[in-house]
Amino acid sequence: MARTQALFNKIPQELVLSYLSGILIGSELADLKYTKPIYIVAENKLSERYVKALKILKHTVISVNSEQCFLAGMEIIFQTHYKALL
């Protein structure tokens, strides 16, 4: 479908991947029944897409940068388990 859209100039070729991403995100979230805040942990571009979709669907969403999340987790592991070894 995305390829056909590009072939018939319905969407620019450079937007095909974004178009597919939107279809996948929409499909994934379409039947979401979760009522608590939803945390999105992803790189910024992907996170923005999920946040936008979830807000359209009237969900409360909290976005967390994946790199910052990883580094914070590694710091906790280090402080908890390895700092005493140094």
PDB file of N, CA and C in Angstrom:
ATOM      1  N   MET A   1       0.822  -1.185   0.000  1.00  0.00           N
ATOM      2  CA  MET A   1       0.000   0.000   0.000  1.00  0.00           C
ATOM      3  C   MET A   1       0.872   1.258   0.000  1.00  0.00           C
ATOM      4  N   ALA A   2       1.906   1.270   0.832  1.00  0.00           N
ATOM      5  CA  ALA A   2       2.781   2.440   0.896  1.00  0.00           C
ATOM      6  C   ALA A   2       3.509   2.639  -0.426  1.00  0.00           C
ATOM      7  N   ARG A   3       3.965   1.557  -1.005  1.00  0.00           N
ATOM      8  CA  ARG A   3       4.664   1.628  -2.293  1.00  0.00           C
ATOM      9  C   ARG A   3       3.732   2.187  -3.367  1.00  0.00           C
ATOM     10  N   THR A   4       2.512   1.728  -3.388  1.00  0.00           N
ATOM     11  CA  THR A   4       1.527   2.207  -4.351  1.00  0.00           C
ATOM     12  C   THR A   4       1.243   3.690  -4.140  1.00  0.00           C
ATOM     13  N   GLN A   5       1.123   4.106  -2.901  1.00  0.00           N
ATOM     14  CA  GLN A   5       0.891   5.520  -2.605  1.00  0.00           C
ATOM     15  C   GLN A   5       2.014   6.379  -3.197  1.00  0.00           C
ATOM     16  N   ALA A   6       3.251   5.913  -3.058  1.00  0.00           N
ATOM     17  CA  ALA A   6       4.395   6.657  -3.601  1.00  0.00           C
ATOM     18  C   ALA A   6       4.414   6.601  -5.126  1.00  0.00           C
ATOM     19  N   LEU A   7       4.128   5.440  -5.706  1.00  0.00           N
ATOM     20  CA  LEU A   7       4.130   5.296  -7.168  1.00  0.00           C
ATOM     21  C   LEU A   7       3.117   6.219  -7.842  1.00  0.00           C
ATOM     22  N   PHE A   8       1.976   6.425  -7.200  1.00  0.00           N
ATOM     23  CA  PHE A   8       0.938   7.279  -7.765  1.00  0.00           C
ATOM     24  C   PHE A   8       0.983   8.702  -7.200  1.00  0.00           C
ATOM     25  N   ASN A   9       2.146   9.053  -6.620  1.00  0.00           N
ATOM     26  CA  ASN A   9       2.402  10.411  -6.113  1.00  0.00           C
ATOM     27  C   ASN A   9       1.384  10.881  -5.079  1.00  0.00           C
ATOM     28  N   LYS A  10       0.829   9.955  -4.323  1.00  0.00           N
ATOM     29  CA  LYS A  10      -0.077  10.335  -3.229  1.00  0.00           C
ATOM     30  C   LYS A  10       0.734  10.796  -2.013  1.00  0.00           C
ATOM     31  N   ILE A  11       1.923  10.207  -1.858  1.00  0.00           N
ATOM     32  CA  ILE A  11       2.874  10.652  -0.832  1.00  0.00           C
ATOM     33  C   ILE A  11       4.263  10.689  -1.474  1.00  0.00           C
ATOM     34  N   PRO A  12       5.113  11.637  -1.054  1.00  0.00           N
ATOM     35  CA  PRO A  12       6.472  11.687  -1.592  1.00  0.00           C
ATOM     36  C   PRO A  12       7.268  10.442  -1.186  1.00  0.00           C
ATOM     37  N   GLN A  13       8.141   9.984  -2.057  1.00  0.00           N
ATOM     38  CA  GLN A  13       8.956   8.793  -1.814  1.00  0.00           C
ATOM     39  C   GLN A  13       9.709   8.876  -0.483  1.00  0.00           C
ATOM     40  N   GLU A  14      10.209  10.068  -0.154  1.00  0.00           N
ATOM     41  CA  GLU A  14      10.998  10.218   1.080  1.00  0.00           C
ATOM     42  C   GLU A  14      10.152  10.102   2.345  1.00  0.00           C
ATOM     43  N   LEU A  15       8.834  10.084   2.212  1.00  0.00           N
ATOM     44  CA  LEU A  15       7.964   9.952   3.385  1.00  0.00           C
ATOM     45  C   LEU A  15       7.367   8.560   3.541  1.00  0.00           C
ATOM     46  N   VAL A  16       7.749   7.630   2.686  1.00  0.00           N
ATOM     47  CA  VAL A  16       7.176   6.281   2.738  1.00  0.00           C
ATOM     48  C   VAL A  16       7.460   5.617   4.089  1.00  0.00           C
ATOM     49  N   LEU A  17       8.685   5.733   4.580  1.00  0.00           N
ATOM     50  CA  LEU A  17       9.013   5.095   5.870  1.00  0.00           C
ATOM     51  C   LEU A  17       8.210   5.707   7.020  1.00  0.00           C
ATOM     52  N   SER A  18       8.037   7.017   6.998  1.00  0.00           N
ATOM     53  CA  SER A  18       7.227   7.671   8.033  1.00  0.00           C
ATOM     54  C   SER A  18       5.770   7.237   7.922  1.00  0.00           C
ATOM     55  N   TYR A  19       5.294   7.098   6.712  1.00  0.00           N
ATOM     56  CA  TYR A  19       3.926   6.636   6.465  1.00  0.00           C
ATOM     57  C   TYR A  19       3.727   5.237   7.043  1.00  0.00           C
ATOM     58  N   LEU A  20       4.674   4.348   6.759  1.00  0.00           N
ATOM     59  CA  LEU A  20       4.607   2.979   7.296  1.00  0.00           C
ATOM     60  C   LEU A  20       4.681   2.974   8.820  1.00  0.00           C
ATOM     61  N   SER A  21       5.539   3.813   9.363  1.00  0.00           N
ATOM     62  CA  SER A  21       5.657   3.911  10.816  1.00  0.00           C
ATOM     63  C   SER A  21       4.328   4.342  11.422  1.00  0.00           C
ATOM     64  N   GLY A  22       3.675   5.310  10.802  1.00  0.00           N
ATOM     65  CA  GLY A  22       2.376   5.771  11.290  1.00  0.00           C
ATOM     66  C   GLY A  22       1.313   4.681  11.249  1.00  0.00           C
ATOM     67  N   ILE A  23       1.323   3.901  10.174  1.00  0.00           N
ATOM     68  CA  ILE A  23       0.367   2.797  10.064  1.00  0.00           C
ATOM     69  C   ILE A  23       0.610   1.773  11.170  1.00  0.00           C
ATOM     70  N   LEU A  24       1.872   1.423  11.398  1.00  0.00           N
ATOM     71  CA  LEU A  24       2.197   0.438  12.436  1.00  0.00           C
ATOM     72  C   LEU A  24       1.833   0.944  13.827  1.00  0.00           C
ATOM     73  N   ILE A  25       2.166   2.192  14.115  1.00  0.00           N
ATOM     74  CA  ILE A  25       1.848   2.763  15.428  1.00  0.00           C
ATOM     75  C   ILE A  25       0.330   2.818  15.613  1.00  0.00           C
ATOM     76  N   GLY A  26      -0.380   3.277  14.606  1.00  0.00           N
ATOM     77  CA  GLY A  26      -1.832   3.339  14.690  1.00  0.00           C
ATOM     78  C   GLY A  26      -2.460   1.980  14.911  1.00  0.00           C
ATOM     79  N   SER A  27      -1.945   0.999  14.201  1.00  0.00           N
ATOM     80  CA  SER A  27      -2.457  -0.370  14.349  1.00  0.00           C
ATOM     81  C   SER A  27      -2.170  -0.913  15.749  1.00  0.00           C
ATOM     82  N   GLU A  28      -0.993  -0.621  16.239  1.00  0.00           N
ATOM     83  CA  GLU A  28      -0.595  -1.094  17.567  1.00  0.00           C
ATOM     84  C   GLU A  28      -1.453  -0.471  18.672  1.00  0.00           C
ATOM     85  N   LEU A  29      -1.810   0.788  18.505  1.00  0.00           N
ATOM     86  CA  LEU A  29      -2.517   1.508  19.569  1.00  0.00           C
ATOM     87  C   LEU A  29      -4.028   1.541  19.399  1.00  0.00           C
ATOM     88  N   ALA A  30      -4.533   1.093  18.280  1.00  0.00           N
ATOM     89  CA  ALA A  30      -5.955   1.240  17.954  1.00  0.00           C
ATOM     90  C   ALA A  30      -6.892   0.680  19.016  1.00  0.00           C
ATOM     91  N   ASP A  31      -6.584  -0.446  19.583  1.00  0.00           N
ATOM     92  CA  ASP A  31      -7.483  -1.086  20.548  1.00  0.00           C
ATOM     93  C   ASP A  31      -6.983  -0.982  21.989  1.00  0.00           C
ATOM     94  N   LEU A  32      -6.114  -0.043  22.242  1.00  0.00           N
ATOM     95  CA  LEU A  32      -5.540   0.128  23.571  1.00  0.00           C
ATOM     96  C   LEU A  32      -6.612   0.526  24.574  1.00  0.00           C
ATOM     97  N   LYS A  33      -6.714  -0.245  25.647  1.00  0.00           N
ATOM     98  CA  LYS A  33      -7.727   0.011  26.675  1.00  0.00           C
ATOM     99  C   LYS A  33      -7.109   0.463  28.003  1.00  0.00           C
ATOM    100  N   TYR A  34      -5.812   0.664  28.031  1.00  0.00           N
ATOM    101  CA  TYR A  34      -5.082   1.026  29.237  1.00  0.00           C
ATOM    102  C   TYR A  34      -5.488   2.422  29.688  1.00  0.00           C
ATOM    103  N   THR A  35      -5.757   2.612  30.976  1.00  0.00           N
ATOM    104  CA  THR A  35      -6.237   3.907  31.460  1.00  0.00           C
ATOM    105  C   THR A  35      -5.216   4.675  32.294  1.00  0.00           C
ATOM    106  N   LYS A  36      -4.152   4.021  32.722  1.00  0.00           N
ATOM    107  CA  LYS A  36      -3.121   4.701  33.502  1.00  0.00           C
ATOM    108  C   LYS A  36      -2.171   5.438  32.559  1.00  0.00           C
ATOM    109  N   PRO A  37      -1.332   6.345  33.098  1.00  0.00           N
ATOM    110  CA  PRO A  37      -0.357   7.009  32.234  1.00  0.00           C
ATOM    111  C   PRO A  37       0.540   5.981  31.532  1.00  0.00           C
ATOM    112  N   ILE A  38       0.847   6.260  30.296  1.00  0.00           N
ATOM    113  CA  ILE A  38       1.670   5.371  29.485  1.00  0.00           C
ATOM    114  C   ILE A  38       3.050   5.998  29.338  1.00  0.00           C
ATOM    115  N   TYR A  39       4.081   5.222  29.657  1.00  0.00           N
ATOM    116  CA  TYR A  39       5.449   5.687  29.518  1.00  0.00           C
ATOM    117  C   TYR A  39       6.002   5.206  28.184  1.00  0.00           C
ATOM    118  N   ILE A  40       6.586   6.121  27.444  1.00  0.00           N
ATOM    119  CA  ILE A  40       7.236   5.792  26.183  1.00  0.00           C
ATOM    120  C   ILE A  40       8.731   5.981  26.384  1.00  0.00           C
ATOM    121  N   VAL A  41       9.490   4.922  26.183  1.00  0.00           N
ATOM    122  CA  VAL A  41      10.942   4.981  26.281  1.00  0.00           C
ATOM    123  C   VAL A  41      11.481   4.676  24.894  1.00  0.00           C
ATOM    124  N   ALA A  42      11.961   5.710  24.215  1.00  0.00           N
ATOM    125  CA  ALA A  42      12.425   5.556  22.844  1.00  0.00           C
ATOM    126  C   ALA A  42      13.306   6.746  22.479  1.00  0.00           C
ATOM    127  N   GLU A  43      13.963   6.626  21.322  1.00  0.00           N
ATOM    128  CA  GLU A  43      14.709   7.784  20.840  1.00  0.00           C
ATOM    129  C   GLU A  43      13.700   8.852  20.448  1.00  0.00           C
ATOM    130  N   ASN A  44      14.156  10.088  20.362  1.00  0.00           N
ATOM    131  CA  ASN A  44      13.247  11.226  20.263  1.00  0.00           C
ATOM    132  C   ASN A  44      12.265  11.168  19.093  1.00  0.00           C
ATOM    133  N   LYS A  45      12.718  10.830  17.891  1.00  0.00           N
ATOM    134  CA  LYS A  45      11.833  10.851  16.725  1.00  0.00           C
ATOM    135  C   LYS A  45      10.695   9.830  16.864  1.00  0.00           C
ATOM    136  N   LEU A  46      11.033   8.622  17.279  1.00  0.00           N
ATOM    137  CA  LEU A  46      10.017   7.594  17.461  1.00  0.00           C
ATOM    138  C   LEU A  46       9.097   7.944  18.628  1.00  0.00           C
ATOM    139  N   SER A  47       9.681   8.455  19.690  1.00  0.00           N
ATOM    140  CA  SER A  47       8.906   8.855  20.857  1.00  0.00           C
ATOM    141  C   SER A  47       7.873   9.915  20.488  1.00  0.00           C
ATOM    142  N   GLU A  48       8.266  10.896  19.687  1.00  0.00           N
ATOM    143  CA  GLU A  48       7.348  11.952  19.269  1.00  0.00           C
ATOM    144  C   GLU A  48       6.144  11.376  18.531  1.00  0.00           C
ATOM    145  N   ARG A  49       6.381  10.362  17.713  1.00  0.00           N
ATOM    146  CA  ARG A  49       5.287   9.748  16.954  1.00  0.00           C
ATOM    147  C   ARG A  49       4.300   9.043  17.887  1.00  0.00           C
ATOM    148  N   TYR A  50       4.828   8.296  18.855  1.00  0.00           N
ATOM    149  CA  TYR A  50       3.957   7.606  19.807  1.00  0.00           C
ATOM    150  C   TYR A  50       3.197   8.601  20.678  1.00  0.00           C
ATOM    151  N   VAL A  51       3.885   9.627  21.153  1.00  0.00           N
ATOM    152  CA  VAL A  51       3.244  10.629  22.005  1.00  0.00           C
ATOM    153  C   VAL A  51       2.103  11.301  21.245  1.00  0.00           C
ATOM    154  N   LYS A  52       2.344  11.673  20.006  1.00  0.00           N
ATOM    155  CA  LYS A  52       1.306  12.326  19.205  1.00  0.00           C
ATOM    156  C   LYS A  52       0.092  11.412  19.030  1.00  0.00           C
ATOM    157  N   ALA A  53       0.352  10.149  18.690  1.00  0.00           N
ATOM    158  CA  ALA A  53      -0.742   9.193  18.491  1.00  0.00           C
ATOM    159  C   ALA A  53      -1.520   8.967  19.783  1.00  0.00           C
ATOM    160  N   LEU A  54      -0.816   8.813  20.887  1.00  0.00           N
ATOM    161  CA  LEU A  54      -1.488   8.564  22.165  1.00  0.00           C
ATOM    162  C   LEU A  54      -2.304   9.761  22.621  1.00  0.00           C
ATOM    163  N   LYS A  55      -1.804  10.961  22.367  1.00  0.00           N
ATOM    164  CA  LYS A  55      -2.571  12.159  22.734  1.00  0.00           C
ATOM    165  C   LYS A  55      -3.828  12.273  21.881  1.00  0.00           C
ATOM    166  N   ILE A  56      -3.739  11.928  20.598  1.00  0.00           N
ATOM    167  CA  ILE A  56      -4.927  11.934  19.741  1.00  0.00           C
ATOM    168  C   ILE A  56      -5.965  10.968  20.293  1.00  0.00           C
ATOM    169  N   LEU A  57      -5.479   9.846  20.842  1.00  0.00           N
ATOM    170  CA  LEU A  57      -6.381   8.839  21.410  1.00  0.00           C
ATOM    171  C   LEU A  57      -6.778   9.166  22.856  1.00  0.00           C
ATOM    172  N   LYS A  58      -6.393  10.349  23.329  1.00  0.00           N
ATOM    173  CA  LYS A  58      -6.784  10.860  24.664  1.00  0.00           C
ATOM    174  C   LYS A  58      -6.149  10.090  25.822  1.00  0.00           C
ATOM    175  N   HIS A  59      -4.940   9.573  25.615  1.00  0.00           N
ATOM    176  CA  HIS A  59      -4.209   8.896  26.695  1.00  0.00           C
ATOM    177  C   HIS A  59      -3.237   9.872  27.338  1.00  0.00           C
ATOM    178  N   THR A  60      -2.979   9.667  28.617  1.00  0.00           N
ATOM    179  CA  THR A  60      -1.935  10.412  29.302  1.00  0.00           C
ATOM    180  C   THR A  60      -0.624   9.712  29.002  1.00  0.00           C
ATOM    181  N   VAL A  61       0.355  10.467  28.527  1.00  0.00           N
ATOM    182  CA  VAL A  61       1.612   9.853  28.104  1.00  0.00           C
ATOM    183  C   VAL A  61       2.798  10.625  28.673  1.00  0.00           C
ATOM    184  N   ILE A  62       3.800   9.868  29.099  1.00  0.00           N
ATOM    185  CA  ILE A  62       5.039  10.438  29.617  1.00  0.00           C
ATOM    186  C   ILE A  62       6.167   9.878  28.765  1.00  0.00           C
ATOM    187  N   SER A  63       6.928  10.775  28.155  1.00  0.00           N
ATOM    188  CA  SER A  63       8.015  10.371  27.275  1.00  0.00           C
ATOM    189  C   SER A  63       9.345  10.442  28.022  1.00  0.00           C
ATOM    190  N   VAL A  64      10.132   9.372  27.902  1.00  0.00           N
ATOM    191  CA  VAL A  64      11.443   9.301  28.543  1.00  0.00           C
ATOM    192  C   VAL A  64      12.466   8.995  27.459  1.00  0.00           C
ATOM    193  N   ASN A  65      13.518   9.797  27.397  1.00  0.00           N
ATOM    194  CA  ASN A  65      14.570   9.563  26.420  1.00  0.00           C
ATOM    195  C   ASN A  65      15.273   8.250  26.726  1.00  0.00           C
ATOM    196  N   SER A  66      15.384   7.381  25.745  1.00  0.00           N
ATOM    197  CA  SER A  66      15.931   6.039  25.966  1.00  0.00           C
ATOM    198  C   SER A  66      17.391   6.071  26.416  1.00  0.00           C
ATOM    199  N   GLU A  67      18.180   6.972  25.874  1.00  0.00           N
ATOM    200  CA  GLU A  67      19.590   7.036  26.268  1.00  0.00           C
ATOM    201  C   GLU A  67      19.729   7.490  27.720  1.00  0.00           C
ATOM    202  N   GLN A  68      18.963   8.498  28.111  1.00  0.00           N
ATOM    203  CA  GLN A  68      18.994   8.964  29.499  1.00  0.00           C
ATOM    204  C   GLN A  68      18.503   7.882  30.444  1.00  0.00           C
ATOM    205  N   CYS A  69      17.482   7.150  30.035  1.00  0.00           N
ATOM    206  CA  CYS A  69      16.940   6.067  30.840  1.00  0.00           C
ATOM    207  C   CYS A  69      17.990   4.970  31.041  1.00  0.00           C
ATOM    208  N   PHE A  70      18.667   4.599  29.969  1.00  0.00           N
ATOM    209  CA  PHE A  70      19.707   3.578  30.040  1.00  0.00           C
ATOM    210  C   PHE A  70      20.835   4.023  30.975  1.00  0.00           C
ATOM    211  N   LEU A  71      21.302   5.257  30.803  1.00  0.00           N
ATOM    212  CA  LEU A  71      22.401   5.750  31.630  1.00  0.00           C
ATOM    213  C   LEU A  71      22.009   5.825  33.105  1.00  0.00           C
ATOM    214  N   ALA A  72      20.785   6.255  33.384  1.00  0.00           N
ATOM    215  CA  ALA A  72      20.313   6.315  34.779  1.00  0.00           C
ATOM    216  C   ALA A  72      20.255   4.913  35.371  1.00  0.00           C
ATOM    217  N   GLY A  73      19.795   3.938  34.592  1.00  0.00           N
ATOM    218  CA  GLY A  73      19.747   2.555  35.065  1.00  0.00           C
ATOM    219  C   GLY A  73      21.139   2.006  35.336  1.00  0.00           C
ATOM    220  N   MET A  74      22.070   2.302  34.459  1.00  0.00           N
ATOM    221  CA  MET A  74      23.453   1.839  34.649  1.00  0.00           C
ATOM    222  C   MET A  74      24.074   2.464  35.902  1.00  0.00           C
ATOM    223  N   GLU A  75      23.742   3.728  36.146  1.00  0.00           N
ATOM    224  CA  GLU A  75      24.243   4.402  37.345  1.00  0.00           C
ATOM    225  C   GLU A  75      23.697   3.732  38.603  1.00  0.00           C
ATOM    226  N   ILE A  76      22.438   3.376  38.608  1.00  0.00           N
ATOM    227  CA  ILE A  76      21.838   2.692  39.764  1.00  0.00           C
ATOM    228  C   ILE A  76      22.498   1.333  39.971  1.00  0.00           C
ATOM    229  N   ILE A  77      22.707   0.599  38.902  1.00  0.00           N
ATOM    230  CA  ILE A  77      23.370  -0.708  39.013  1.00  0.00           C
ATOM    231  C   ILE A  77      24.774  -0.542  39.566  1.00  0.00           C
ATOM    232  N   PHE A  78      25.507   0.445  39.057  1.00  0.00           N
ATOM    233  CA  PHE A  78      26.863   0.679  39.540  1.00  0.00           C
ATOM    234  C   PHE A  78      26.856   1.038  41.030  1.00  0.00           C
ATOM    235  N   GLN A  79      25.992   1.997  41.409  1.00  0.00           N
ATOM    236  CA  GLN A  79      25.943   2.435  42.803  1.00  0.00           C
ATOM    237  C   GLN A  79      25.537   1.292  43.746  1.00  0.00           C
ATOM    238  N   THR A  80      24.657   0.430  43.285  1.00  0.00           N
ATOM    239  CA  THR A  80      24.124  -0.646  44.111  1.00  0.00           C
ATOM    240  C   THR A  80      25.063  -1.830  44.215  1.00  0.00           C
ATOM    241  N   HIS A  81      25.731  -2.175  43.130  1.00  0.00           N
ATOM    242  CA  HIS A  81      26.451  -3.440  43.091  1.00  0.00           C
ATOM    243  C   HIS A  81      27.972  -3.343  42.948  1.00  0.00           C
ATOM    244  N   TYR A  82      28.461  -2.282  42.362  1.00  0.00           N
ATOM    245  CA  TYR A  82      29.883  -2.291  42.018  1.00  0.00           C
ATOM    246  C   TYR A  82      30.711  -1.208  42.714  1.00  0.00           C
ATOM    247  N   LYS A  83      30.100  -0.180  43.217  1.00  0.00           N
ATOM    248  CA  LYS A  83      30.847   0.902  43.842  1.00  0.00           C
ATOM    249  C   LYS A  83      31.689   0.403  45.010  1.00  0.00           C
ATOM    250  N   ALA A  84      31.171  -0.532  45.776  1.00  0.00           N
ATOM    251  CA  ALA A  84      31.888  -1.074  46.946  1.00  0.00           C
ATOM    252  C   ALA A  84      33.130  -1.855  46.530  1.00  0.00           C
ATOM    253  N   LEU A  85      33.183  -2.328  45.290  1.00  0.00           N
ATOM    254  CA  LEU A  85      34.336  -3.105  44.826  1.00  0.00           C
ATOM    255  C   LEU A  85      35.532  -2.250  44.509  1.00  0.00           C
ATOM    256  N   LEU A  86      35.339  -0.941  44.351  1.00  0.00           N
ATOM    257  CA  LEU A  86      36.444  -0.041  43.963  1.00  0.00           C
ATOM    258  C   LEU A  86      37.256   0.426  45.126  1.00  0.00           C
TER     259      LEU A  86
END
